Amino acid sequence: MLALLVGTGSRAQAQTPPPAAPEPRSSVQWQLMVGGLASLDGYTSAGYQGLVLAAGWEFPSWRLRFQFLAGQPNTLVDERTEVQFGQYTFGLWLDTPLLQSPGWRWAVGAGAGLHVFSRSTFPLFRGVRPEDPRLIPALLTGPETSLRWRFARRFAVEGTASVDVVVGRPILGYVTNNGFEPLHRGWPVRPRLAVSFLVLP
């Protein structure tokens, strides 16, 4: 009887299936970014602030993302006119990590996109003839560096420092009998900082 019990238990233990191996995680990860930005553009002393929206894919050695930057319109006022001036960017950015761990990622990269200026001018007294509202396209490109802290499996915070080069920016001013008188030139090279919240499904 004892031999039978021991033999039965041995067969039951031998038939126990091995534990299932964990499913390997994909090397490609989709991500969504939402945040805020501040840029010194030269049109005003405080520059402009706005919203960052981005989505893309991250691979082990590089990341590709589509990015939309929407600046809050600024009001430029002088003794003759009031100008509502906005800036928007649609672009593509690529970066690669220099240092990476499960919680941290430091990367460098660059991007390029279409930078659109919106301008609406309102006269403050008679005799000033403003131009019609316009959308002015320009090219934006430049390098960036980012630092990310992944505080949870699906969530992270990322700070980005960029240098934007704008080709084709508008120069705001007046056309008088003496020719064109520039008033707001803007900067062709401008620093930009952003802080974003990341969702990593």
Protein backbone atom coordinates (compact mmCIF):
# COMPACT_ATOMS: atom_id res chain seq x y z
CA MET A 1 0.00 0.00 0.00
CA LEU A 2 2.81 2.42 0.82
CA ALA A 3 4.62 1.63 -2.42
CA LEU A 4 1.41 2.26 -4.39
CA LEU A 5 0.88 5.66 -2.77
CA VAL A 6 4.45 6.78 -3.44
CA GLY A 7 4.31 5.62 -7.03
CA THR A 8 0.99 7.43 -7.68
CA GLY A 9 2.32 10.68 -6.25
CA SER A 10 5.46 10.48 -8.43
CA ARG A 11 3.37 10.08 -11.60
CA ALA A 12 1.15 13.04 -10.66
CA GLN A 13 4.19 15.25 -10.07
CA ALA A 14 5.77 14.23 -13.35
CA GLN A 15 2.60 15.16 -15.28
CA THR A 16 2.47 18.75 -13.88
CA PRO A 17 2.96 21.15 -16.85
CA PRO A 18 5.92 23.57 -16.64
CA PRO A 19 5.12 27.23 -15.93
CA ALA A 20 4.37 29.31 -19.00
CA ALA A 21 7.19 31.56 -20.17
CA PRO A 22 6.41 35.27 -20.04
CA GLU A 23 5.51 36.85 -23.37
CA PRO A 24 8.38 38.91 -24.78
CA ARG A 25 7.69 42.67 -24.94
CA SER A 26 7.77 44.33 -28.33
CA SER A 27 10.91 46.30 -29.18
CA VAL A 28 8.71 49.02 -30.73
CA GLN A 29 6.65 51.18 -28.38
CA TRP A 30 4.04 53.75 -29.32
CA GLN A 31 3.83 56.91 -27.18
CA LEU A 32 1.76 60.06 -26.76
CA MET A 33 3.07 63.40 -25.41
CA VAL A 34 1.15 66.40 -24.04
CA GLY A 35 2.90 69.41 -22.53
CA GLY A 36 3.77 73.07 -22.57
CA LEU A 37 6.50 75.15 -24.21
CA ALA A 38 8.20 78.53 -23.93
CA SER A 39 10.30 80.09 -26.70
CA LEU A 40 12.22 83.36 -27.03
CA ASP A 41 11.42 84.53 -30.56
CA GLY A 42 12.55 88.18 -30.58
CA TYR A 43 9.14 89.60 -31.44
CA THR A 44 8.41 90.31 -27.78
CA SER A 45 10.68 90.35 -24.73
CA ALA A 46 8.83 87.38 -23.19
CA GLY A 47 8.65 85.34 -26.40
CA TYR A 48 5.66 83.07 -26.72
CA GLN A 49 4.21 80.16 -24.75
CA GLY A 50 2.02 77.35 -25.98
CA LEU A 51 1.03 73.70 -26.19
CA VAL A 52 2.96 70.61 -27.31
CA LEU A 53 1.18 67.59 -28.81
CA ALA A 54 3.21 64.69 -30.17
CA ALA A 55 2.87 61.03 -31.06
CA GLY A 56 5.40 58.52 -32.35
CA TRP A 57 7.24 55.25 -32.07
CA GLU A 58 10.27 54.39 -29.97
CA PHE A 59 12.74 51.69 -31.00
CA PRO A 60 15.69 50.42 -28.93
CA SER A 61 18.18 52.79 -30.62
CA TRP A 62 16.05 55.67 -31.94
CA ARG A 63 12.68 57.42 -31.69
CA LEU A 64 10.50 59.02 -34.35
CA ARG A 65 7.64 61.37 -33.49
CA PHE A 66 5.27 63.78 -35.18
CA GLN A 67 4.96 67.03 -33.26
CA PHE A 68 2.50 69.94 -33.24
CA LEU A 69 3.43 73.16 -31.43
CA ALA A 70 0.67 75.75 -30.92
CA GLY A 71 1.77 79.10 -29.55
CA GLN A 72 -0.63 81.34 -27.69
CA PRO A 73 -1.15 84.45 -29.90
CA ASN A 74 0.69 87.58 -28.76
CA THR A 75 -0.62 91.14 -29.02
CA LEU A 76 1.90 93.61 -30.43
CA VAL A 77 0.82 97.21 -29.79
CA ASP A 78 2.42 100.52 -30.77
CA GLU A 79 1.09 104.05 -31.25
CA ARG A 80 -0.43 103.23 -34.66
CA THR A 81 -1.63 99.61 -34.74
CA GLU A 82 -2.45 96.49 -32.76
CA VAL A 83 -1.26 93.16 -34.22
CA GLN A 84 -2.51 89.70 -33.21
CA PHE A 85 0.46 87.42 -33.92
CA GLY A 86 0.37 83.62 -33.64
CA GLN A 87 2.82 80.79 -34.40
CA TYR A 88 2.21 77.09 -35.15
CA THR A 89 4.56 74.24 -36.08
CA PHE A 90 3.87 70.87 -37.75
CA GLY A 91 7.00 68.74 -37.90
CA LEU A 92 8.91 65.49 -37.62
CA TRP A 93 11.60 64.85 -34.96
CA LEU A 94 14.13 62.02 -34.62
CA ASP A 95 16.43 61.29 -31.66
CA THR A 96 18.72 58.59 -30.28
CA PRO A 97 19.60 57.83 -26.63
CA LEU A 98 23.07 58.54 -25.26
CA LEU A 99 22.33 57.14 -21.79
CA GLN A 100 19.41 54.85 -21.00
CA SER A 101 18.16 52.82 -18.04
CA PRO A 102 14.74 51.45 -17.00
CA GLY A 103 13.90 54.78 -15.35
CA TRP A 104 15.90 57.39 -17.29
CA ARG A 105 16.61 58.29 -20.91
CA TRP A 106 18.88 61.09 -22.18
CA ALA A 107 18.78 61.60 -25.94
CA VAL A 108 19.90 63.99 -28.67
CA GLY A 109 18.30 64.57 -32.03
CA ALA A 110 16.94 67.05 -34.52
CA GLY A 111 13.75 67.95 -36.31
CA ALA A 112 12.21 69.96 -39.10
CA GLY A 113 8.77 71.17 -39.98
CA LEU A 114 6.44 73.80 -41.36
CA HIS A 115 6.23 76.88 -39.12
CA VAL A 116 3.18 79.05 -39.80
CA PHE A 117 2.79 82.65 -38.63
CA SER A 118 -0.71 84.14 -38.38
CA ARG A 119 -1.08 87.93 -38.47
CA SER A 120 -4.09 90.20 -38.09
CA THR A 121 -3.60 93.99 -37.92
CA PHE A 122 -6.02 96.58 -36.48
CA PRO A 123 -5.49 100.35 -36.87
CA LEU A 124 -5.68 102.54 -33.78
CA PHE A 125 -6.48 105.76 -35.65
CA ARG A 126 -7.45 106.98 -39.10
CA GLY A 127 -4.84 107.23 -41.79
CA VAL A 128 -3.35 103.77 -41.14
CA ARG A 129 -4.33 101.15 -43.75
CA PRO A 130 -3.59 97.63 -42.42
CA GLU A 131 -2.98 94.63 -44.64
CA ASP A 132 -5.50 91.81 -44.73
CA PRO A 133 -5.03 88.91 -42.26
CA ARG A 134 -2.42 86.47 -43.53
CA LEU A 135 -0.87 83.07 -42.87
CA ILE A 136 2.88 83.18 -43.55
CA PRO A 137 4.66 79.81 -43.98
CA ALA A 138 8.30 79.33 -42.98
CA LEU A 139 10.74 76.46 -42.38
CA LEU A 140 11.74 75.48 -38.84
CA THR A 141 14.63 73.12 -38.13
CA GLY A 142 17.26 72.55 -35.46
CA PRO A 143 18.80 70.27 -32.82
CA GLU A 144 17.33 69.23 -29.49
CA THR A 145 18.18 67.25 -26.37
CA SER A 146 15.73 65.56 -24.00
CA LEU A 147 15.75 63.98 -20.55
CA ARG A 148 12.98 61.56 -19.55
CA TRP A 149 12.05 60.14 -16.16
CA ARG A 150 9.82 57.07 -16.32
CA PHE A 151 8.15 56.99 -12.90
CA ALA A 152 5.66 54.23 -13.77
CA ARG A 153 5.35 51.43 -16.32
CA ARG A 154 3.06 53.46 -18.59
CA PHE A 155 3.81 57.07 -17.60
CA ALA A 156 6.81 59.42 -17.78
CA VAL A 157 7.81 63.08 -17.70
CA GLU A 158 10.19 64.54 -20.29
CA GLY A 159 11.99 67.87 -20.53
CA THR A 160 13.29 69.11 -23.89
CA ALA A 161 15.71 71.92 -24.83
CA SER A 162 15.82 72.95 -28.49
CA VAL A 163 17.40 75.55 -30.74
CA ASP A 164 15.04 76.43 -33.58
CA VAL A 165 16.27 77.99 -36.82
CA VAL A 166 13.43 79.74 -38.68
CA VAL A 167 13.91 80.43 -42.38
CA GLY A 168 11.41 82.84 -43.93
CA ARG A 169 10.17 84.59 -40.79
CA PRO A 170 8.12 87.78 -41.36
CA ILE A 171 9.41 91.25 -40.49
CA LEU A 172 6.58 93.46 -39.26
CA GLY A 173 6.60 97.15 -39.99
CA TYR A 174 5.10 100.04 -41.97
CA VAL A 175 5.27 101.13 -45.57
CA THR A 176 5.59 104.92 -45.71
CA ASN A 177 6.62 107.48 -48.29
CA ASN A 178 10.22 106.81 -47.26
CA GLY A 179 9.92 103.06 -47.87
CA PHE A 180 9.58 100.12 -45.48
CA GLU A 181 10.17 100.85 -41.78
CA PRO A 182 10.73 97.59 -39.81
CA LEU A 183 9.29 97.44 -36.31
CA HIS A 184 9.39 93.76 -35.20
CA ARG A 185 12.11 91.68 -36.85
CA GLY A 186 12.08 88.49 -34.75
CA TRP A 187 15.08 86.21 -34.34
CA PRO A 188 16.20 83.68 -36.94
CA VAL A 189 17.63 81.45 -34.15
CA ARG A 190 15.56 80.99 -31.01
CA PRO A 191 15.82 78.77 -27.89
CA ARG A 192 12.84 76.66 -26.82
CA LEU A 193 12.09 74.70 -23.64
CA ALA A 194 9.28 72.19 -23.18
CA VAL A 195 7.99 69.88 -20.44
CA SER A 196 5.69 67.03 -21.45
CA PHE A 197 3.73 64.20 -19.87
CA LEU A 198 4.11 60.87 -21.71
CA VAL A 199 1.70 57.97 -22.00
CA LEU A 200 3.42 54.70 -22.94
CA PRO A 201 0.77 52.05 -23.70
